[in-house]
Amino acid sequence: MSEKSSSSGSDEDVDPEPSAQHVELGGVLSKWTNYIHGWQDRWVVLKNNTLSYYKSEDEREYGCRGSLCLRKAVITPHEFDECRIDISVNDSVWYLRAEDPEHRLQWIESI
């Protein structure tokens, strides 16, 4: 009996911790570039509390085009656009749009 309780207790302790500590998410989000080019699809990766973006998933091997450490970031869901997230760190602001409100929520919860 004691073997069963200790093994089930240890399984419960072991399984949730790694997934909670190491969140990784990758996918396409639109990023506001400027008034000439507007919204551009970018491959965005959340790993080790850092948000990085690449021109596309295929171009990850060439390195990221930008990254934000999320430790002191302020994440603001847009007031009117249900797909948009604004992420601010110091003077840097990224304006991002998910394909739908559900994907936006997934990104917000992961961040």
PDB file of N, CA and C in Angstrom:
ATOM      1  N   MET A   1       0.819  -1.195   0.000  1.00  0.00           N
ATOM      2  CA  MET A   1       0.000   0.000   0.000  1.00  0.00           C
ATOM      3  C   MET A   1       0.859   1.253   0.000  1.00  0.00           C
ATOM      4  N   SER A   2       1.874   1.268   0.842  1.00  0.00           N
ATOM      5  CA  SER A   2       2.695   2.468   0.925  1.00  0.00           C
ATOM      6  C   SER A   2       3.425   2.708  -0.405  1.00  0.00           C
ATOM      7  N   GLU A   3       3.771   1.633  -1.135  1.00  0.00           N
ATOM      8  CA  GLU A   3       4.427   1.815  -2.431  1.00  0.00           C
ATOM      9  C   GLU A   3       3.485   2.491  -3.423  1.00  0.00           C
ATOM     10  N   LYS A   4       2.222   2.096  -3.417  1.00  0.00           N
ATOM     11  CA  LYS A   4       1.268   2.702  -4.343  1.00  0.00           C
ATOM     12  C   LYS A   4       1.066   4.178  -4.022  1.00  0.00           C
ATOM     13  N   SER A   5       0.871   4.511  -2.741  1.00  0.00           N
ATOM     14  CA  SER A   5       0.626   5.914  -2.414  1.00  0.00           C
ATOM     15  C   SER A   5       1.845   6.771  -2.702  1.00  0.00           C
ATOM     16  N   SER A   6       3.046   6.268  -2.394  1.00  0.00           N
ATOM     17  CA  SER A   6       4.228   7.090  -2.632  1.00  0.00           C
ATOM     18  C   SER A   6       4.486   7.239  -4.130  1.00  0.00           C
ATOM     19  N   SER A   7       4.239   6.173  -4.906  1.00  0.00           N
ATOM     20  CA  SER A   7       4.494   6.294  -6.339  1.00  0.00           C
ATOM     21  C   SER A   7       3.480   7.222  -6.999  1.00  0.00           C
ATOM     22  N   SER A   8       2.207   7.142  -6.615  1.00  0.00           N
ATOM     23  CA  SER A   8       1.222   8.036  -7.216  1.00  0.00           C
ATOM     24  C   SER A   8       1.463   9.476  -6.765  1.00  0.00           C
ATOM     25  N   GLY A   9       1.878   9.647  -5.524  1.00  0.00           N
ATOM     26  CA  GLY A   9       2.194  10.993  -5.039  1.00  0.00           C
ATOM     27  C   GLY A   9       3.386  11.571  -5.767  1.00  0.00           C
ATOM     28  N   SER A  10       4.406  10.752  -6.000  1.00  0.00           N
ATOM     29  CA  SER A  10       5.592  11.258  -6.701  1.00  0.00           C
ATOM     30  C   SER A  10       5.269  11.547  -8.167  1.00  0.00           C
ATOM     31  N   ASP A  11       4.403  10.734  -8.792  1.00  0.00           N
ATOM     32  CA  ASP A  11       4.014  11.003 -10.177  1.00  0.00           C
ATOM     33  C   ASP A  11       3.308  12.349 -10.274  1.00  0.00           C
ATOM     34  N   GLU A  12       2.425  12.615  -9.341  1.00  0.00           N
ATOM     35  CA  GLU A  12       1.703  13.885  -9.358  1.00  0.00           C
ATOM     36  C   GLU A  12       2.667  15.048  -9.166  1.00  0.00           C
ATOM     37  N   ASP A  13       3.649  14.889  -8.314  1.00  0.00           N
ATOM     38  CA  ASP A  13       4.612  15.957  -8.065  1.00  0.00           C
ATOM     39  C   ASP A  13       5.531  16.177  -9.264  1.00  0.00           C
ATOM     40  N   VAL A  14       5.897  15.111  -9.951  1.00  0.00           N
ATOM     41  CA  VAL A  14       6.877  15.214 -11.031  1.00  0.00           C
ATOM     42  C   VAL A  14       6.249  15.764 -12.313  1.00  0.00           C
ATOM     43  N   ASP A  15       5.092  15.290 -12.717  1.00  0.00           N
ATOM     44  CA  ASP A  15       4.513  15.655 -14.002  1.00  0.00           C
ATOM     45  C   ASP A  15       4.178  17.144 -14.166  1.00  0.00           C
ATOM     46  N   PRO A  16       3.461  17.781 -13.240  1.00  0.00           N
ATOM     47  CA  PRO A  16       3.062  19.158 -13.487  1.00  0.00           C
ATOM     48  C   PRO A  16       4.214  20.156 -13.490  1.00  0.00           C
ATOM     49  N   GLU A  17       5.259  19.918 -12.721  1.00  0.00           N
ATOM     50  CA  GLU A  17       6.305  20.926 -12.559  1.00  0.00           C
ATOM     51  C   GLU A  17       7.046  21.267 -13.840  1.00  0.00           C
ATOM     52  N   PRO A  18       7.555  20.291 -14.608  1.00  0.00           N
ATOM     53  CA  PRO A  18       8.301  20.672 -15.810  1.00  0.00           C
ATOM     54  C   PRO A  18       7.460  21.472 -16.799  1.00  0.00           C
ATOM     55  N   SER A  19       6.212  21.102 -17.007  1.00  0.00           N
ATOM     56  CA  SER A  19       5.385  21.828 -17.966  1.00  0.00           C
ATOM     57  C   SER A  19       5.078  23.229 -17.462  1.00  0.00           C
ATOM     58  N   ALA A  20       4.926  23.397 -16.164  1.00  0.00           N
ATOM     59  CA  ALA A  20       4.631  24.717 -15.613  1.00  0.00           C
ATOM     60  C   ALA A  20       5.857  25.626 -15.675  1.00  0.00           C
ATOM     61  N   GLN A  21       7.044  25.060 -15.511  1.00  0.00           N
ATOM     62  CA  GLN A  21       8.252  25.868 -15.501  1.00  0.00           C
ATOM     63  C   GLN A  21       8.735  26.196 -16.913  1.00  0.00           C
ATOM     64  N   HIS A  22       8.501  25.323 -17.878  1.00  0.00           N
ATOM     65  CA  HIS A  22       9.049  25.496 -19.219  1.00  0.00           C
ATOM     66  C   HIS A  22       7.903  25.603 -20.223  1.00  0.00           C
ATOM     67  N   VAL A  23       7.429  26.823 -20.457  1.00  0.00           N
ATOM     68  CA  VAL A  23       6.368  27.042 -21.428  1.00  0.00           C
ATOM     69  C   VAL A  23       7.024  27.394 -22.751  1.00  0.00           C
ATOM     70  N   GLU A  24       6.640  26.707 -23.795  1.00  0.00           N
ATOM     71  CA  GLU A  24       7.134  27.046 -25.127  1.00  0.00           C
ATOM     72  C   GLU A  24       5.948  27.064 -26.070  1.00  0.00           C
ATOM     73  N   LEU A  25       5.859  28.134 -26.842  1.00  0.00           N
ATOM     74  CA  LEU A  25       4.763  28.293 -27.780  1.00  0.00           C
ATOM     75  C   LEU A  25       5.330  28.931 -29.033  1.00  0.00           C
ATOM     76  N   GLY A  26       4.900  28.468 -30.176  1.00  0.00           N
ATOM     77  CA  GLY A  26       5.327  29.063 -31.431  1.00  0.00           C
ATOM     78  C   GLY A  26       4.166  29.116 -32.386  1.00  0.00           C
ATOM     79  N   GLY A  27       4.113  30.163 -33.179  1.00  0.00           N
ATOM     80  CA  GLY A  27       3.044  30.273 -34.155  1.00  0.00           C
ATOM     81  C   GLY A  27       3.098  31.608 -34.878  1.00  0.00           C
ATOM     82  N   VAL A  28       2.195  31.760 -35.829  1.00  0.00           N
ATOM     83  CA  VAL A  28       2.147  32.978 -36.630  1.00  0.00           C
ATOM     84  C   VAL A  28       1.282  34.015 -35.932  1.00  0.00           C
ATOM     85  N   LEU A  29       1.856  35.194 -35.752  1.00  0.00           N
ATOM     86  CA  LEU A  29       1.117  36.369 -35.300  1.00  0.00           C
ATOM     87  C   LEU A  29       1.442  37.488 -36.282  1.00  0.00           C
ATOM     88  N   SER A  30       0.507  38.395 -36.472  1.00  0.00           N
ATOM     89  CA  SER A  30       0.791  39.576 -37.281  1.00  0.00           C
ATOM     90  C   SER A  30       1.411  40.620 -36.380  1.00  0.00           C
ATOM     91  N   LYS A  31       2.463  41.267 -36.878  1.00  0.00           N
ATOM     92  CA  LYS A  31       3.157  42.295 -36.112  1.00  0.00           C
ATOM     93  C   LYS A  31       3.061  43.603 -36.881  1.00  0.00           C
ATOM     94  N   TRP A  32       2.688  44.665 -36.178  1.00  0.00           N
ATOM     95  CA  TRP A  32       2.624  45.973 -36.810  1.00  0.00           C
ATOM     96  C   TRP A  32       4.051  46.445 -37.069  1.00  0.00           C
ATOM     97  N   THR A  33       4.340  46.776 -38.327  1.00  0.00           N
ATOM     98  CA  THR A  33       5.684  47.216 -38.671  1.00  0.00           C
ATOM     99  C   THR A  33       5.752  48.737 -38.772  1.00  0.00           C
ATOM    100  N   ASN A  34       4.971  49.301 -39.671  1.00  0.00           N
ATOM    101  CA  ASN A  34       4.927  50.755 -39.844  1.00  0.00           C
ATOM    102  C   ASN A  34       3.738  51.106 -40.741  1.00  0.00           C
ATOM    103  N   TYR A  35       3.549  52.383 -41.007  1.00  0.00           N
ATOM    104  CA  TYR A  35       2.394  52.791 -41.799  1.00  0.00           C
ATOM    105  C   TYR A  35       2.525  52.430 -43.274  1.00  0.00           C
ATOM    106  N   ILE A  36       3.731  52.186 -43.755  1.00  0.00           N
ATOM    107  CA  ILE A  36       3.914  51.798 -45.154  1.00  0.00           C
ATOM    108  C   ILE A  36       3.589  50.321 -45.349  1.00  0.00           C
ATOM    109  N   HIS A  37       4.139  49.461 -44.480  1.00  0.00           N
ATOM    110  CA  HIS A  37       3.962  48.012 -44.633  1.00  0.00           C
ATOM    111  C   HIS A  37       2.827  47.445 -43.785  1.00  0.00           C
ATOM    112  N   GLY A  38       2.380  48.160 -42.774  1.00  0.00           N
ATOM    113  CA  GLY A  38       1.251  47.715 -41.955  1.00  0.00           C
ATOM    114  C   GLY A  38       1.523  46.438 -41.181  1.00  0.00           C
ATOM    115  N   TRP A  39       0.526  45.558 -41.135  1.00  0.00           N
ATOM    116  CA  TRP A  39       0.626  44.294 -40.412  1.00  0.00           C
ATOM    117  C   TRP A  39       1.335  43.271 -41.283  1.00  0.00           C
ATOM    118  N   GLN A  40       2.345  42.606 -40.715  1.00  0.00           N
ATOM    119  CA  GLN A  40       3.088  41.568 -41.418  1.00  0.00           C
ATOM    120  C   GLN A  40       3.065  40.283 -40.585  1.00  0.00           C
ATOM    121  N   ASP A  41       2.782  39.157 -41.246  1.00  0.00           N
ATOM    122  CA  ASP A  41       2.812  37.875 -40.543  1.00  0.00           C
ATOM    123  C   ASP A  41       4.243  37.541 -40.159  1.00  0.00           C
ATOM    124  N   ARG A  42       4.426  37.134 -38.911  1.00  0.00           N
ATOM    125  CA  ARG A  42       5.737  36.757 -38.394  1.00  0.00           C
ATOM    126  C   ARG A  42       5.607  35.471 -37.587  1.00  0.00           C
ATOM    127  N   TRP A  43       6.666  34.672 -37.571  1.00  0.00           N
ATOM    128  CA  TRP A  43       6.726  33.480 -36.726  1.00  0.00           C
ATOM    129  C   TRP A  43       7.211  33.939 -35.354  1.00  0.00           C
ATOM    130  N   VAL A  44       6.394  33.740 -34.333  1.00  0.00           N
ATOM    131  CA  VAL A  44       6.702  34.217 -32.986  1.00  0.00           C
ATOM    132  C   VAL A  44       6.892  33.013 -32.072  1.00  0.00           C
ATOM    133  N   VAL A  45       7.931  33.080 -31.237  1.00  0.00           N
ATOM    134  CA  VAL A  45       8.261  31.977 -30.326  1.00  0.00           C
ATOM    135  C   VAL A  45       8.357  32.511 -28.907  1.00  0.00           C
ATOM    136  N   LEU A  46       7.687  31.829 -27.983  1.00  0.00           N
ATOM    137  CA  LEU A  46       7.797  32.121 -26.557  1.00  0.00           C
ATOM    138  C   LEU A  46       8.599  30.990 -25.936  1.00  0.00           C
ATOM    139  N   LYS A  47       9.763  31.340 -25.376  1.00  0.00           N
ATOM    140  CA  LYS A  47      10.620  30.322 -24.763  1.00  0.00           C
ATOM    141  C   LYS A  47      11.462  30.994 -23.683  1.00  0.00           C
ATOM    142  N   ASN A  48      11.522  30.371 -22.513  1.00  0.00           N
ATOM    143  CA  ASN A  48      12.328  30.871 -21.393  1.00  0.00           C
ATOM    144  C   ASN A  48      12.014  32.331 -21.061  1.00  0.00           C
ATOM    145  N   ASN A  49      10.734  32.663 -21.033  1.00  0.00           N
ATOM    146  CA  ASN A  49      10.266  33.999 -20.668  1.00  0.00           C
ATOM    147  C   ASN A  49      10.747  35.080 -21.643  1.00  0.00           C
ATOM    148  N   THR A  50      11.072  34.686 -22.876  1.00  0.00           N
ATOM    149  CA  THR A  50      11.473  35.620 -23.917  1.00  0.00           C
ATOM    150  C   THR A  50      10.602  35.401 -25.141  1.00  0.00           C
ATOM    151  N   LEU A  51      10.112  36.495 -25.700  1.00  0.00           N
ATOM    152  CA  LEU A  51       9.314  36.454 -26.913  1.00  0.00           C
ATOM    153  C   LEU A  51      10.216  36.899 -28.063  1.00  0.00           C
ATOM    154  N   SER A  52      10.378  36.037 -29.064  1.00  0.00           N
ATOM    155  CA  SER A  52      11.227  36.337 -30.213  1.00  0.00           C
ATOM    156  C   SER A  52      10.400  36.200 -31.478  1.00  0.00           C
ATOM    157  N   TYR A  53      10.779  36.985 -32.506  1.00  0.00           N
ATOM    158  CA  TYR A  53      10.070  36.824 -33.769  1.00  0.00           C
ATOM    159  C   TYR A  53      11.040  36.693 -34.928  1.00  0.00           C
ATOM    160  N   TYR A  54      10.548  35.979 -35.939  1.00  0.00           N
ATOM    161  CA  TYR A  54      11.311  35.676 -37.145  1.00  0.00           C
ATOM    162  C   TYR A  54      10.439  36.058 -38.338  1.00  0.00           C
ATOM    163  N   LYS A  55      11.060  36.305 -39.472  1.00  0.00           N
ATOM    164  CA  LYS A  55      10.280  36.657 -40.660  1.00  0.00           C
ATOM    165  C   LYS A  55       9.307  35.526 -41.008  1.00  0.00           C
ATOM    166  N   SER A  56       9.780  34.274 -40.870  1.00  0.00           N
ATOM    167  CA  SER A  56       8.925  33.110 -41.096  1.00  0.00           C
ATOM    168  C   SER A  56       9.498  31.921 -40.333  1.00  0.00           C
ATOM    169  N   GLU A  57       8.724  30.859 -40.243  1.00  0.00           N
ATOM    170  CA  GLU A  57       9.205  29.657 -39.548  1.00  0.00           C
ATOM    171  C   GLU A  57      10.440  29.094 -40.254  1.00  0.00           C
ATOM    172  N   ASP A  58      10.458  29.157 -41.576  1.00  0.00           N
ATOM    173  CA  ASP A  58      11.585  28.634 -42.346  1.00  0.00           C
ATOM    174  C   ASP A  58      12.866  29.430 -42.106  1.00  0.00           C
ATOM    175  N   GLU A  59      12.748  30.696 -41.710  1.00  0.00           N
ATOM    176  CA  GLU A  59      13.931  31.542 -41.543  1.00  0.00           C
ATOM    177  C   GLU A  59      14.439  31.597 -40.099  1.00  0.00           C
ATOM    178  N   ARG A  60      13.978  30.691 -39.252  1.00  0.00           N
ATOM    179  CA  ARG A  60      14.464  30.643 -37.868  1.00  0.00           C
ATOM    180  C   ARG A  60      15.965  30.390 -37.816  1.00  0.00           C
ATOM    181  N   GLU A  61      16.465  29.627 -38.775  1.00  0.00           N
ATOM    182  CA  GLU A  61      17.896  29.292 -38.777  1.00  0.00           C
ATOM    183  C   GLU A  61      18.778  30.528 -38.974  1.00  0.00           C
ATOM    184  N   TYR A  62      18.226  31.610 -39.518  1.00  0.00           N
ATOM    185  CA  TYR A  62      19.006  32.830 -39.738  1.00  0.00           C
ATOM    186  C   TYR A  62      19.022  33.753 -38.530  1.00  0.00           C
ATOM    187  N   GLY A  63      18.314  33.371 -37.483  1.00  0.00           N
ATOM    188  CA  GLY A  63      18.284  34.176 -36.264  1.00  0.00           C
ATOM    189  C   GLY A  63      17.032  35.038 -36.186  1.00  0.00           C
ATOM    190  N   CYS A  64      16.736  35.452 -34.974  1.00  0.00           N
ATOM    191  CA  CYS A  64      15.521  36.234 -34.765  1.00  0.00           C
ATOM    192  C   CYS A  64      15.729  37.680 -35.214  1.00  0.00           C
ATOM    193  N   ARG A  65      14.628  38.329 -35.541  1.00  0.00           N
ATOM    194  CA  ARG A  65      14.665  39.736 -35.961  1.00  0.00           C
ATOM    195  C   ARG A  65      14.476  40.667 -34.771  1.00  0.00           C
ATOM    196  N   GLY A  66      14.014  40.110 -33.666  1.00  0.00           N
ATOM    197  CA  GLY A  66      13.845  40.900 -32.459  1.00  0.00           C
ATOM    198  C   GLY A  66      13.362  40.022 -31.329  1.00  0.00           C
ATOM    199  N   SER A  67      13.607  40.465 -30.099  1.00  0.00           N
ATOM    200  CA  SER A  67      13.149  39.696 -28.942  1.00  0.00           C
ATOM    201  C   SER A  67      12.872  40.640 -27.778  1.00  0.00           C
ATOM    202  N   LEU A  68      11.985  40.194 -26.908  1.00  0.00           N
ATOM    203  CA  LEU A  68      11.639  40.938 -25.698  1.00  0.00           C
ATOM    204  C   LEU A  68      11.720  40.004 -24.505  1.00  0.00           C
ATOM    205  N   CYS A  69      12.419  40.438 -23.455  1.00  0.00           N
ATOM    206  CA  CYS A  69      12.388  39.710 -22.191  1.00  0.00           C
ATOM    207  C   CYS A  69      11.087  40.103 -21.502  1.00  0.00           C
ATOM    208  N   LEU A  70      10.308  39.120 -21.122  1.00  0.00           N
ATOM    209  CA  LEU A  70       8.960  39.395 -20.598  1.00  0.00           C
ATOM    210  C   LEU A  70       8.915  39.589 -19.089  1.00  0.00           C
ATOM    211  N   ARG A  71      10.077  39.585 -18.431  1.00  0.00           N
ATOM    212  CA  ARG A  71      10.096  39.694 -16.969  1.00  0.00           C
ATOM    213  C   ARG A  71       9.389  40.960 -16.485  1.00  0.00           C
ATOM    214  N   LYS A  72       9.636  42.090 -17.163  1.00  0.00           N
ATOM    215  CA  LYS A  72       9.020  43.357 -16.748  1.00  0.00           C
ATOM    216  C   LYS A  72       8.023  43.871 -17.780  1.00  0.00           C
ATOM    217  N   ALA A  73       7.566  42.987 -18.640  1.00  0.00           N
ATOM    218  CA  ALA A  73       6.655  43.388 -19.712  1.00  0.00           C
ATOM    219  C   ALA A  73       5.248  43.658 -19.183  1.00  0.00           C
ATOM    220  N   VAL A  74       4.585  44.569 -19.853  1.00  0.00           N
ATOM    221  CA  VAL A  74       3.177  44.853 -19.588  1.00  0.00           C
ATOM    222  C   VAL A  74       2.401  44.371 -20.811  1.00  0.00           C
ATOM    223  N   ILE A  75       1.528  43.407 -20.597  1.00  0.00           N
ATOM    224  CA  ILE A  75       0.730  42.842 -21.681  1.00  0.00           C
ATOM    225  C   ILE A  75      -0.665  43.432 -21.595  1.00  0.00           C
ATOM    226  N   THR A  76      -1.079  44.093 -22.677  1.00  0.00           N
ATOM    227  CA  THR A  76      -2.373  44.772 -22.684  1.00  0.00           C
ATOM    228  C   THR A  76      -3.230  44.248 -23.829  1.00  0.00           C
ATOM    229  N   PRO A  77      -4.307  43.522 -23.527  1.00  0.00           N
ATOM    230  CA  PRO A  77      -5.246  43.169 -24.595  1.00  0.00           C
ATOM    231  C   PRO A  77      -5.887  44.461 -25.114  1.00  0.00           C
ATOM    232  N   HIS A  78      -6.014  44.580 -26.424  1.00  0.00           N
ATOM    233  CA  HIS A  78      -6.561  45.797 -27.013  1.00  0.00           C
ATOM    234  C   HIS A  78      -8.018  45.976 -26.616  1.00  0.00           C
ATOM    235  N   GLU A  79      -8.403  47.217 -26.434  1.00  0.00           N
ATOM    236  CA  GLU A  79      -9.748  47.536 -25.957  1.00  0.00           C
ATOM    237  C   GLU A  79     -10.839  47.167 -26.966  1.00  0.00           C
ATOM    238  N   PHE A  80     -10.578  47.378 -28.268  1.00  0.00           N
ATOM    239  CA  PHE A  80     -11.616  47.150 -29.284  1.00  0.00           C
ATOM    240  C   PHE A  80     -11.336  45.967 -30.199  1.00  0.00           C
ATOM    241  N   ASP A  81     -10.064  45.714 -30.486  1.00  0.00           N
ATOM    242  CA  ASP A  81      -9.674  44.627 -31.388  1.00  0.00           C
ATOM    243  C   ASP A  81      -9.495  43.356 -30.565  1.00  0.00           C
ATOM    244  N   GLU A  82     -10.395  42.408 -30.728  1.00  0.00           N
ATOM    245  CA  GLU A  82     -10.394  41.184 -29.922  1.00  0.00           C
ATOM    246  C   GLU A  82      -9.233  40.242 -30.241  1.00  0.00           C
ATOM    247  N   CYS A  83      -8.481  40.535 -31.298  1.00  0.00           N
ATOM    248  CA  CYS A  83      -7.372  39.672 -31.690  1.00  0.00           C
ATOM    249  C   CYS A  83      -6.012  40.273 -31.343  1.00  0.00           C
ATOM    250  N   ARG A  84      -5.994  41.507 -30.846  1.00  0.00           N
ATOM    251  CA  ARG A  84      -4.736  42.229 -30.686  1.00  0.00           C
ATOM    252  C   ARG A  84      -4.221  42.210 -29.249  1.00  0.00           C
ATOM    253  N   ILE A  85      -2.874  42.168 -29.135  1.00  0.00           N
ATOM    254  CA  ILE A  85      -2.159  42.239 -27.856  1.00  0.00           C
ATOM    255  C   ILE A  85      -1.065  43.291 -28.022  1.00  0.00           C
ATOM    256  N   ASP A  86      -0.931  44.174 -27.055  1.00  0.00           N
ATOM    257  CA  ASP A  86       0.176  45.121 -27.037  1.00  0.00           C
ATOM    258  C   ASP A  86       1.116  44.716 -25.908  1.00  0.00           C
ATOM    259  N   ILE A  87       2.395  44.589 -26.210  1.00  0.00           N
ATOM    260  CA  ILE A  87       3.387  44.184 -25.217  1.00  0.00           C
ATOM    261  C   ILE A  87       4.423  45.288 -25.100  1.00  0.00           C
ATOM    262  N   SER A  88       4.550  45.841 -23.894  1.00  0.00           N
ATOM    263  CA  SER A  88       5.468  46.954 -23.658  1.00  0.00           C
ATOM    264  C   SER A  88       6.552  46.555 -22.668  1.00  0.00           C
ATOM    265  N   VAL A  89       7.794  46.906 -23.012  1.00  0.00           N
ATOM    266  CA  VAL A  89       8.923  46.766 -22.099  1.00  0.00           C
ATOM    267  C   VAL A  89       9.738  48.048 -22.254  1.00  0.00           C
ATOM    268  N   ASN A  90       9.802  48.825 -21.185  1.00  0.00           N
ATOM    269  CA  ASN A  90      10.483  50.123 -21.229  1.00  0.00           C
ATOM    270  C   ASN A  90       9.928  50.963 -22.381  1.00  0.00           C
ATOM    271  N   ASP A  91      10.772  51.346 -23.326  1.00  0.00           N
ATOM    272  CA  ASP A  91      10.322  52.180 -24.449  1.00  0.00           C
ATOM    273  C   ASP A  91       9.920  51.376 -25.677  1.00  0.00           C
ATOM    274  N   SER A  92      10.036  50.069 -25.613  1.00  0.00           N
ATOM    275  CA  SER A  92       9.722  49.213 -26.746  1.00  0.00           C
ATOM    276  C   SER A  92       8.298  48.678 -26.634  1.00  0.00           C
ATOM    277  N   VAL A  93       7.534  48.790 -27.725  1.00  0.00           N
ATOM    278  CA  VAL A  93       6.164  48.271 -27.754  1.00  0.00           C
ATOM    279  C   VAL A  93       5.998  47.429 -29.009  1.00  0.00           C
ATOM    280  N   TRP A  94       5.493  46.214 -28.822  1.00  0.00           N
ATOM    281  CA  TRP A  94       5.143  45.355 -29.949  1.00  0.00           C
ATOM    282  C   TRP A  94       3.636  45.287 -30.020  1.00  0.00           C
ATOM    283  N   TYR A  95       3.094  45.515 -31.217  1.00  0.00           N
ATOM    284  CA  TYR A  95       1.664  45.382 -31.465  1.00  0.00           C
ATOM    285  C   TYR A  95       1.484  44.092 -32.253  1.00  0.00           C
ATOM    286  N   LEU A  96       0.785  43.142 -31.664  1.00  0.00           N
ATOM    287  CA  LEU A  96       0.617  41.826 -32.265  1.00  0.00           C
ATOM    288  C   LEU A  96      -0.853  41.494 -32.423  1.00  0.00           C
ATOM    289  N   ARG A  97      -1.175  40.737 -33.485  1.00  0.00           N
ATOM    290  CA  ARG A  97      -2.550  40.279 -33.711  1.00  0.00           C
ATOM    291  C   ARG A  97      -2.547  38.780 -33.952  1.00  0.00           C
ATOM    292  N   ALA A  98      -3.431  38.099 -33.246  1.00  0.00           N
ATOM    293  CA  ALA A  98      -3.635  36.666 -33.465  1.00  0.00           C
ATOM    294  C   ALA A  98      -4.695  36.503 -34.551  1.00  0.00           C
ATOM    295  N   GLU A  99      -4.831  35.282 -35.052  1.00  0.00           N
ATOM    296  CA  GLU A  99      -5.817  35.052 -36.107  1.00  0.00           C
ATOM    297  C   GLU A  99      -7.252  35.112 -35.584  1.00  0.00           C
ATOM    298  N   ASP A 100      -7.452  34.864 -34.290  1.00  0.00           N
ATOM    299  CA  ASP A 100      -8.793  34.940 -33.704  1.00  0.00           C
ATOM    300  C   ASP A 100      -8.654  35.139 -32.191  1.00  0.00           C
ATOM    301  N   PRO A 101      -9.767  35.492 -31.520  1.00  0.00           N
ATOM    302  CA  PRO A 101      -9.703  35.745 -30.070  1.00  0.00           C
ATOM    303  C   PRO A 101      -9.208  34.552 -29.249  1.00  0.00           C
ATOM    304  N   GLU A 102      -9.493  33.319 -29.703  1.00  0.00           N
ATOM    305  CA  GLU A 102      -9.052  32.134 -28.968  1.00  0.00           C
ATOM    306  C   GLU A 102      -7.524  32.027 -28.973  1.00  0.00           C
ATOM    307  N   HIS A 103      -6.910  32.291 -30.125  1.00  0.00           N
ATOM    308  CA  HIS A 103      -5.446  32.249 -30.193  1.00  0.00           C
ATOM    309  C   HIS A 103      -4.831  33.382 -29.379  1.00  0.00           C
ATOM    310  N   ARG A 104      -5.477  34.548 -29.365  1.00  0.00           N
ATOM    311  CA  ARG A 104      -4.971  35.645 -28.542  1.00  0.00           C
ATOM    312  C   ARG A 104      -4.972  35.217 -27.085  1.00  0.00           C
ATOM    313  N   LEU A 105      -6.039  34.604 -26.624  1.00  0.00           N
ATOM    314  CA  LEU A 105      -6.137  34.147 -25.240  1.00  0.00           C
ATOM    315  C   LEU A 105      -5.054  33.114 -24.935  1.00  0.00           C
ATOM    316  N   GLN A 106      -4.798  32.212 -25.870  1.00  0.00           N
ATOM    317  CA  GLN A 106      -3.745  31.205 -25.683  1.00  0.00           C
ATOM    318  C   GLN A 106      -2.384  31.881 -25.486  1.00  0.00           C
ATOM    319  N   TRP A 107      -2.081  32.898 -26.276  1.00  0.00           N
ATOM    320  CA  TRP A 107      -0.810  33.611 -26.131  1.00  0.00           C
ATOM    321  C   TRP A 107      -0.754  34.366 -24.801  1.00  0.00           C
ATOM    322  N   ILE A 108      -1.843  35.041 -24.444  1.00  0.00           N
ATOM    323  CA  ILE A 108      -1.857  35.804 -23.183  1.00  0.00           C
ATOM    324  C   ILE A 108      -1.645  34.879 -22.002  1.00  0.00           C
ATOM    325  N   GLU A 109      -2.314  33.735 -21.981  1.00  0.00           N
ATOM    326  CA  GLU A 109      -2.176  32.790 -20.871  1.00  0.00           C
ATOM    327  C   GLU A 109      -0.764  32.207 -20.812  1.00  0.00           C
ATOM    328  N   SER A 110      -0.137  31.995 -21.966  1.00  0.00           N
ATOM    329  CA  SER A 110       1.218  31.443 -21.995  1.00  0.00           C
ATOM    330  C   SER A 110       2.253  32.462 -21.547  1.00  0.00           C
ATOM    331  N   ILE A 111       2.008  33.706 -21.901  1.00  0.00           N
ATOM    332  CA  ILE A 111       2.952  34.770 -21.498  1.00  0.00           C
ATOM    333  C   ILE A 111       2.824  35.008 -20.015  1.00  0.00           C
TER     334      ILE A 111
END
